[in-house]
Amino acid sequence: MIFLQEQKSDETKPYYINNKVKSALIEYINLAKLKAEDYLFKSQKNNQPITRQQAYRIINTVAREVGISKKIGTHTLRKTFGYHAYSKGIAISLLQSIFNHSSRDSMKDLHG
């Protein structure tokens, strides 16, 4: 499990991560020499997290490198995760909690 503090609500929520993700995170944290108070994706300019725009640029650069020509961003990754989790049988109530959605109507994008 990894515990993340929600920026909007200031609530700390647990998230399950598998062993491959855990190993990759540990390796990244060690290579980047991150401390507990550091952001996981820290700006190279200051001690702040990267911006949404920078995350978008990074994701699109990597997507082009692997042959994906469509523009994608963090929301695309979020929706794709939700779609595949739902398709594999993850309970919609659990996905609602992960996405901070209060109703099933807000989850309609997962149906296809």
C-alpha atoms as a PDB file:
ATOM      1  CA  MET A   1       0.000   0.000   0.000  1.00  0.00           C
ATOM      2  CA  ILE A   2       0.989   3.552  -0.613  1.00  0.00           C
ATOM      3  CA  PHE A   3      -0.633   6.406   1.283  1.00  0.00           C
ATOM      4  CA  LEU A   4      -1.212   9.664  -0.568  1.00  0.00           C
ATOM      5  CA  GLN A   5      -2.535  12.920   0.774  1.00  0.00           C
ATOM      6  CA  GLU A   6      -5.297  14.381  -1.390  1.00  0.00           C
ATOM      7  CA  GLN A   7      -4.517  17.999  -2.202  1.00  0.00           C
ATOM      8  CA  LYS A   8      -8.155  19.150  -2.382  1.00  0.00           C
ATOM      9  CA  SER A   9      -9.505  17.428   0.738  1.00  0.00           C
ATOM     10  CA  ASP A  10      -6.247  17.067   2.726  1.00  0.00           C
ATOM     11  CA  GLU A  11      -7.403  13.472   3.359  1.00  0.00           C
ATOM     12  CA  THR A  12      -4.835  10.653   3.345  1.00  0.00           C
ATOM     13  CA  LYS A  13      -5.991   7.648   1.306  1.00  0.00           C
ATOM     14  CA  PRO A  14      -4.429   4.203   0.879  1.00  0.00           C
ATOM     15  CA  TYR A  15      -3.762   2.796  -2.612  1.00  0.00           C
ATOM     16  CA  TYR A  16      -2.720  -0.746  -3.440  1.00  0.00           C
ATOM     17  CA  ILE A  17       0.387  -1.073  -5.608  1.00  0.00           C
ATOM     18  CA  ASN A  18       1.722  -4.337  -6.973  1.00  0.00           C
ATOM     19  CA  ASN A  19       5.289  -5.562  -6.435  1.00  0.00           C
ATOM     20  CA  LYS A  20       6.526  -4.345  -9.848  1.00  0.00           C
ATOM     21  CA  VAL A  21       5.321  -0.814  -9.163  1.00  0.00           C
ATOM     22  CA  LYS A  22       6.715  -0.960  -5.626  1.00  0.00           C
ATOM     23  CA  SER A  23      10.142  -2.038  -6.912  1.00  0.00           C
ATOM     24  CA  ALA A  24      10.140   0.671  -9.591  1.00  0.00           C
ATOM     25  CA  LEU A  25       9.196   3.341  -7.034  1.00  0.00           C
ATOM     26  CA  ILE A  26      11.888   2.236  -4.596  1.00  0.00           C
ATOM     27  CA  GLU A  27      14.483   2.250  -7.368  1.00  0.00           C
ATOM     28  CA  TYR A  28      13.381   5.722  -8.527  1.00  0.00           C
ATOM     29  CA  ILE A  29      13.379   7.120  -4.976  1.00  0.00           C
ATOM     30  CA  ASN A  30      16.880   5.736  -4.356  1.00  0.00           C
ATOM     31  CA  LEU A  31      18.288   6.931  -7.699  1.00  0.00           C
ATOM     32  CA  ALA A  32      16.784  10.397  -7.261  1.00  0.00           C
ATOM     33  CA  LYS A  33      17.954  10.429  -3.608  1.00  0.00           C
ATOM     34  CA  LEU A  34      14.523  11.634  -2.509  1.00  0.00           C
ATOM     35  CA  LYS A  35      13.828  12.364   1.127  1.00  0.00           C
ATOM     36  CA  ALA A  36      10.486  11.839   2.881  1.00  0.00           C
ATOM     37  CA  GLU A  37       9.545  15.510   2.478  1.00  0.00           C
ATOM     38  CA  ASP A  38      10.361  15.601  -1.256  1.00  0.00           C
ATOM     39  CA  TYR A  39       7.794  15.431  -4.027  1.00  0.00           C
ATOM     40  CA  LEU A  40       7.897  12.248  -6.098  1.00  0.00           C
ATOM     41  CA  PHE A  41       8.001  14.248  -9.336  1.00  0.00           C
ATOM     42  CA  LYS A  42       9.951  17.337  -8.377  1.00  0.00           C
ATOM     43  CA  SER A  43      10.573  20.255 -10.707  1.00  0.00           C
ATOM     44  CA  GLN A  44      14.168  20.716 -11.847  1.00  0.00           C
ATOM     45  CA  LYS A  45      13.748  24.476 -11.329  1.00  0.00           C
ATOM     46  CA  ASN A  46      12.689  24.496  -7.678  1.00  0.00           C
ATOM     47  CA  ASN A  47      11.638  22.287  -4.789  1.00  0.00           C
ATOM     48  CA  GLN A  48       8.021  22.114  -5.989  1.00  0.00           C
ATOM     49  CA  PRO A  49       6.117  19.362  -7.812  1.00  0.00           C
ATOM     50  CA  ILE A  50       6.108  19.424 -11.606  1.00  0.00           C
ATOM     51  CA  THR A  51       3.184  21.285 -13.135  1.00  0.00           C
ATOM     52  CA  ARG A  52       0.296  19.650 -15.002  1.00  0.00           C
ATOM     53  CA  GLN A  53       1.728  21.148 -18.176  1.00  0.00           C
ATOM     54  CA  GLN A  54       5.116  19.542 -17.550  1.00  0.00           C
ATOM     55  CA  ALA A  55       3.479  16.181 -16.799  1.00  0.00           C
ATOM     56  CA  TYR A  56       1.575  16.517 -20.100  1.00  0.00           C
ATOM     57  CA  ARG A  57       4.816  17.251 -22.003  1.00  0.00           C
ATOM     58  CA  ILE A  58       6.605  14.278 -20.404  1.00  0.00           C
ATOM     59  CA  ILE A  59       3.730  11.871 -21.120  1.00  0.00           C
ATOM     60  CA  ASN A  60       3.427  13.029 -24.740  1.00  0.00           C
ATOM     61  CA  THR A  61       7.174  12.787 -25.339  1.00  0.00           C
ATOM     62  CA  VAL A  62       7.246   9.212 -24.034  1.00  0.00           C
ATOM     63  CA  ALA A  63       4.090   8.336 -26.002  1.00  0.00           C
ATOM     64  CA  ARG A  64       5.713   9.534 -29.248  1.00  0.00           C
ATOM     65  CA  GLU A  65       8.870   7.559 -28.418  1.00  0.00           C
ATOM     66  CA  VAL A  66       6.825   4.336 -28.274  1.00  0.00           C
ATOM     67  CA  GLY A  67       4.820   5.121 -31.414  1.00  0.00           C
ATOM     68  CA  ILE A  68       1.635   6.683 -30.009  1.00  0.00           C
ATOM     69  CA  SER A  69       0.805   9.705 -32.139  1.00  0.00           C
ATOM     70  CA  LYS A  70      -2.362  10.876 -30.368  1.00  0.00           C
ATOM     71  CA  LYS A  71      -2.083  13.548 -27.722  1.00  0.00           C
ATOM     72  CA  ILE A  72      -2.521  12.073 -24.267  1.00  0.00           C
ATOM     73  CA  GLY A  73      -2.323  13.524 -20.789  1.00  0.00           C
ATOM     74  CA  THR A  74      -2.789  12.648 -17.165  1.00  0.00           C
ATOM     75  CA  HIS A  75      -6.575  12.523 -17.550  1.00  0.00           C
ATOM     76  CA  THR A  76      -6.191  10.047 -20.430  1.00  0.00           C
ATOM     77  CA  LEU A  77      -4.112   7.795 -18.166  1.00  0.00           C
ATOM     78  CA  ARG A  78      -6.646   8.134 -15.361  1.00  0.00           C
ATOM     79  CA  LYS A  79      -9.556   7.186 -17.625  1.00  0.00           C
ATOM     80  CA  THR A  80      -7.605   4.313 -19.186  1.00  0.00           C
ATOM     81  CA  PHE A  81      -6.751   2.924 -15.745  1.00  0.00           C
ATOM     82  CA  GLY A  82     -10.417   3.145 -14.724  1.00  0.00           C
ATOM     83  CA  TYR A  83     -11.629   1.486 -17.909  1.00  0.00           C
ATOM     84  CA  HIS A  84      -9.226  -1.457 -17.605  1.00  0.00           C
ATOM     85  CA  ALA A  85      -9.834  -1.873 -13.868  1.00  0.00           C
ATOM     86  CA  TYR A  86     -13.602  -1.890 -14.457  1.00  0.00           C
ATOM     87  CA  SER A  87     -13.180  -4.341 -17.367  1.00  0.00           C
ATOM     88  CA  LYS A  88     -11.230  -6.691 -15.100  1.00  0.00           C
ATOM     89  CA  GLY A  89     -14.018  -6.694 -12.516  1.00  0.00           C
ATOM     90  CA  ILE A  90     -12.877  -4.092  -9.987  1.00  0.00           C
ATOM     91  CA  ALA A  91     -15.966  -2.929  -8.100  1.00  0.00           C
ATOM     92  CA  ILE A  92     -17.376   0.362  -9.323  1.00  0.00           C
ATOM     93  CA  SER A  93     -17.682   1.483  -5.682  1.00  0.00           C
ATOM     94  CA  LEU A  94     -13.920   1.043  -5.229  1.00  0.00           C
ATOM     95  CA  LEU A  95     -13.219   2.984  -8.424  1.00  0.00           C
ATOM     96  CA  GLN A  96     -15.565   5.742  -7.228  1.00  0.00           C
ATOM     97  CA  SER A  97     -13.485   6.025  -4.075  1.00  0.00           C
ATOM     98  CA  ILE A  98     -10.190   6.065  -5.995  1.00  0.00           C
ATOM     99  CA  PHE A  99     -11.466   8.785  -8.343  1.00  0.00           C
ATOM    100  CA  ASN A 100     -13.242  10.767  -5.585  1.00  0.00           C
ATOM    101  CA  HIS A 101     -16.552  10.500  -7.443  1.00  0.00           C
ATOM    102  CA  SER A 102     -19.688  10.735  -5.343  1.00  0.00           C
ATOM    103  CA  SER A 103     -22.095   9.020  -7.736  1.00  0.00           C
ATOM    104  CA  ARG A 104     -22.130   6.203 -10.251  1.00  0.00           C
ATOM    105  CA  ASP A 105     -23.312   8.688 -12.904  1.00  0.00           C
ATOM    106  CA  SER A 106     -19.891  10.335 -12.755  1.00  0.00           C
ATOM    107  CA  MET A 107     -18.341   6.958 -13.642  1.00  0.00           C
ATOM    108  CA  LYS A 108     -20.237   6.486 -16.936  1.00  0.00           C
ATOM    109  CA  ASP A 109     -17.038   6.851 -19.024  1.00  0.00           C
ATOM    110  CA  LEU A 110     -15.911   3.431 -17.776  1.00  0.00           C
ATOM    111  CA  HIS A 111     -18.697   1.617 -19.611  1.00  0.00           C
ATOM    112  CA  GLY A 112     -17.037   1.920 -22.982  1.00  0.00           C
END
